[in-house]
N, C-alpha and C. Protein backbone atom coordinates (compact mmCIF):
# COMPACT_ATOMS: atom_id res chain seq x y z
N MET A 1 -28.53 63.24 -27.51
CA MET A 1 -28.13 62.98 -28.90
C MET A 1 -29.11 61.67 -29.09
N GLU A 2 -30.10 61.57 -28.44
CA GLU A 2 -30.74 59.97 -29.40
C GLU A 2 -31.79 60.75 -29.94
N THR A 3 -31.94 62.28 -29.74
CA THR A 3 -33.06 62.31 -30.18
C THR A 3 -32.87 62.82 -32.16
N LEU A 4 -31.83 63.79 -31.57
CA LEU A 4 -31.08 63.86 -33.16
C LEU A 4 -31.43 63.08 -34.10
N ILE A 5 -30.15 61.77 -33.32
CA ILE A 5 -30.26 60.28 -33.70
C ILE A 5 -31.87 59.98 -34.38
N LEU A 6 -32.99 60.28 -34.06
CA LEU A 6 -33.80 58.97 -33.98
C LEU A 6 -35.26 61.15 -35.22
N PHE A 7 -33.94 61.73 -34.45
CA PHE A 7 -34.62 63.14 -35.97
C PHE A 7 -34.39 62.37 -37.25
N ILE A 8 -33.25 62.03 -37.56
CA ILE A 8 -32.26 61.60 -38.62
C ILE A 8 -32.97 60.67 -39.79
N THR A 9 -33.03 59.71 -38.21
CA THR A 9 -33.67 58.46 -38.35
C THR A 9 -35.23 58.70 -39.83
N ILE A 10 -35.77 59.30 -39.38
CA ILE A 10 -37.37 60.17 -39.43
C ILE A 10 -37.16 60.10 -40.90
N VAL A 11 -36.55 61.51 -40.52
CA VAL A 11 -36.32 62.41 -42.25
C VAL A 11 -35.70 60.73 -42.88
N ALA A 12 -34.81 60.40 -42.76
CA ALA A 12 -34.83 59.43 -43.89
C ALA A 12 -34.89 58.36 -44.29
N VAL A 13 -35.53 57.66 -43.31
CA VAL A 13 -37.38 57.19 -44.12
C VAL A 13 -37.82 58.13 -44.77
N LEU A 14 -38.75 58.83 -43.98
CA LEU A 14 -39.68 60.15 -45.10
C LEU A 14 -39.00 60.01 -46.54
N ALA A 15 -37.43 60.57 -46.43
CA ALA A 15 -37.29 60.31 -47.71
C ALA A 15 -37.25 59.78 -48.58
N VAL A 16 -36.36 57.97 -48.14
CA VAL A 16 -36.88 57.20 -49.19
C VAL A 16 -39.08 56.73 -49.51
N LEU A 17 -39.52 57.00 -48.48
CA LEU A 17 -40.86 57.15 -48.76
C LEU A 17 -41.16 57.62 -50.01
N PHE A 18 -40.78 59.06 -50.29
CA PHE A 18 -40.63 60.50 -50.56
C PHE A 18 -40.45 59.55 -52.62
N ALA A 19 -39.53 58.72 -51.76
CA ALA A 19 -38.61 58.92 -53.61
C ALA A 19 -39.51 57.50 -53.59
N SER A 20 -39.82 56.74 -53.42
CA SER A 20 -40.44 56.22 -53.96
C SER A 20 -41.69 56.12 -54.06
N VAL A 21 -42.89 56.73 -53.57
CA VAL A 21 -43.89 57.14 -54.18
C VAL A 21 -43.49 58.28 -55.57
N ALA A 22 -42.37 58.78 -55.13
CA ALA A 22 -42.52 59.93 -56.10
C ALA A 22 -41.72 58.60 -57.80
N TYR A 23 -41.54 57.84 -57.06
CA TYR A 23 -41.24 56.78 -58.87
C TYR A 23 -42.12 56.44 -59.15
N GLY A 24 -43.23 55.62 -58.48
CA GLY A 24 -44.73 54.82 -58.62
C GLY A 24 -44.84 56.20 -58.97
N CYS A 25 -45.77 56.99 -59.40
CA CYS A 25 -46.65 58.18 -59.58
C CYS A 25 -45.59 58.41 -61.21
N ALA A 26 -44.25 58.23 -61.47
CA ALA A 26 -43.56 58.06 -62.41
C ALA A 26 -43.93 57.49 -63.42
N TRP A 27 -43.99 56.32 -63.63
CA TRP A 27 -44.37 54.71 -63.14
C TRP A 27 -45.86 54.87 -63.96
N LEU A 28 -46.95 55.11 -62.75
CA LEU A 28 -48.41 55.54 -63.37
C LEU A 28 -48.41 56.15 -64.75
N TRP A 29 -48.07 57.01 -64.24
CA TRP A 29 -48.72 58.09 -65.58
C TRP A 29 -47.60 57.77 -67.01
N TRP A 30 -46.51 57.21 -66.64
CA TRP A 30 -45.71 56.32 -68.21
C TRP A 30 -46.75 55.14 -68.88
N ARG A 31 -47.31 54.89 -67.66
CA ARG A 31 -48.18 53.56 -68.12
C ARG A 31 -50.10 53.76 -69.48
N SER A 32 -49.99 55.26 -68.31
CA SER A 32 -51.77 55.31 -69.48
C SER A 32 -51.18 56.68 -69.92
N LEU A 33 -50.12 56.74 -70.76
CA LEU A 33 -49.93 57.00 -72.21
C LEU A 33 -50.43 56.23 -72.73
N ASN A 34 -50.80 56.72 -74.39
CA ASN A 34 -50.70 55.90 -74.93
C ASN A 34 -49.11 55.41 -76.03
N THR A 35 -49.67 54.47 -77.00
CA THR A 35 -48.31 54.12 -77.33
C THR A 35 -47.59 55.51 -78.65
N LEU A 36 -48.84 56.44 -78.58
CA LEU A 36 -48.13 57.74 -79.58
C LEU A 36 -47.63 58.27 -78.87
N GLU A 37 -48.70 58.96 -77.89
CA GLU A 37 -47.63 59.41 -76.67
C GLU A 37 -46.44 59.05 -76.37
N ARG A 38 -46.37 57.48 -75.65
CA ARG A 38 -44.73 57.39 -75.39
C ARG A 38 -43.69 56.91 -76.10
N THR A 39 -44.44 57.09 -77.87
CA THR A 39 -43.61 57.38 -78.43
C THR A 39 -42.43 59.04 -78.75
N LEU A 40 -43.37 59.64 -78.69
CA LEU A 40 -43.25 61.14 -78.55
C LEU A 40 -42.04 61.14 -77.76
N TYR A 41 -42.57 61.18 -76.65
CA TYR A 41 -41.64 61.10 -75.32
C TYR A 41 -40.03 60.22 -75.52
N ARG A 42 -40.65 59.55 -76.49
CA ARG A 42 -38.97 58.29 -76.17
C ARG A 42 -37.74 59.29 -76.80
N SER A 43 -38.83 59.36 -78.25
CA SER A 43 -38.54 60.63 -79.59
C SER A 43 -36.88 61.80 -78.69
N ALA A 44 -38.69 62.03 -77.69
CA ALA A 44 -38.04 63.71 -77.33
C ALA A 44 -36.17 62.90 -76.10
N GLY A 45 -36.39 61.98 -75.87
CA GLY A 45 -36.33 61.95 -74.57
C GLY A 45 -36.62 60.92 -73.69
N SER A 46 -35.45 60.33 -72.76
CA SER A 46 -36.57 59.22 -72.00
C SER A 46 -36.98 59.67 -70.62
N VAL A 47 -37.25 58.89 -70.31
CA VAL A 47 -37.49 59.77 -68.58
C VAL A 47 -36.70 59.94 -67.84
N LYS A 48 -36.78 61.32 -67.44
CA LYS A 48 -35.67 60.84 -66.51
C LYS A 48 -36.03 60.76 -64.88
N LEU A 49 -35.60 60.05 -64.59
CA LEU A 49 -35.67 59.88 -62.88
C LEU A 49 -35.55 60.28 -61.98
N TRP A 50 -34.12 60.76 -61.90
CA TRP A 50 -33.31 61.65 -61.11
C TRP A 50 -33.62 62.10 -60.11
N PRO A 51 -35.00 63.00 -60.20
CA PRO A 51 -35.71 62.86 -58.24
C PRO A 51 -35.40 62.04 -57.40
N ALA A 52 -35.63 61.08 -57.85
CA ALA A 52 -36.00 59.97 -57.17
C ALA A 52 -35.11 59.22 -56.71
N ALA A 53 -34.16 58.99 -57.69
CA ALA A 53 -32.51 58.86 -57.81
C ALA A 53 -31.96 59.51 -56.50
N VAL A 54 -32.35 61.19 -56.57
CA VAL A 54 -31.42 62.53 -55.18
C VAL A 54 -32.00 61.64 -54.49
N GLY A 55 -33.45 60.96 -53.95
CA GLY A 55 -33.75 61.41 -52.97
C GLY A 55 -33.65 59.93 -51.62
N VAL A 56 -33.71 58.75 -52.85
CA VAL A 56 -33.26 58.24 -52.57
C VAL A 56 -30.62 57.71 -52.50
N ALA A 57 -30.09 58.08 -52.93
CA ALA A 57 -29.10 58.69 -51.95
C ALA A 57 -28.94 59.45 -51.04
N GLY A 58 -29.53 60.76 -51.01
CA GLY A 58 -29.86 61.33 -49.72
C GLY A 58 -30.44 60.22 -48.83
N ALA A 59 -30.52 60.08 -48.96
CA ALA A 59 -31.58 58.95 -47.82
C ALA A 59 -30.50 57.89 -46.90
N ALA A 60 -29.42 57.51 -47.99
CA ALA A 60 -29.18 56.75 -47.94
C ALA A 60 -27.91 57.51 -46.94
N TRP A 61 -27.05 58.25 -47.72
CA TRP A 61 -26.41 59.13 -46.83
C TRP A 61 -26.72 59.02 -45.94
N LEU A 62 -28.03 59.92 -45.46
CA LEU A 62 -28.51 60.01 -44.28
C LEU A 62 -28.82 59.72 -43.04
N ILE A 63 -29.16 57.92 -43.63
CA ILE A 63 -28.69 56.53 -42.29
C ILE A 63 -27.24 56.31 -42.44
N ALA A 64 -25.88 56.61 -43.26
CA ALA A 64 -24.90 56.20 -43.27
C ALA A 64 -24.82 57.34 -42.00
N ARG A 65 -25.05 58.19 -41.84
CA ARG A 65 -24.61 59.33 -41.13
C ARG A 65 -25.28 58.85 -39.84
N CYS A 66 -26.05 58.39 -40.01
CA CYS A 66 -27.04 58.01 -38.21
C CYS A 66 -25.94 56.60 -37.45
N PHE A 67 -25.67 56.05 -38.46
CA PHE A 67 -25.09 54.87 -37.46
C PHE A 67 -23.09 54.81 -37.70
N ALA A 68 -22.78 56.24 -38.58
CA ALA A 68 -21.15 56.42 -38.24
C ALA A 68 -20.86 57.42 -37.05
């Protein structure tokens, strides 16, 4: 049982780390665009960062399951 909790904790930490890196990469990519490119992307729709949000929600769920 302790091994399972340790495994889930490690997976949760890795999920949070991956979500943070994905968010950071998206932010750096957005900052690297020039003004015209940003305007084009904004007119097409805002940058969606839902994968990072899903990763954070999944990590929170795993952590909650660990302590339940």
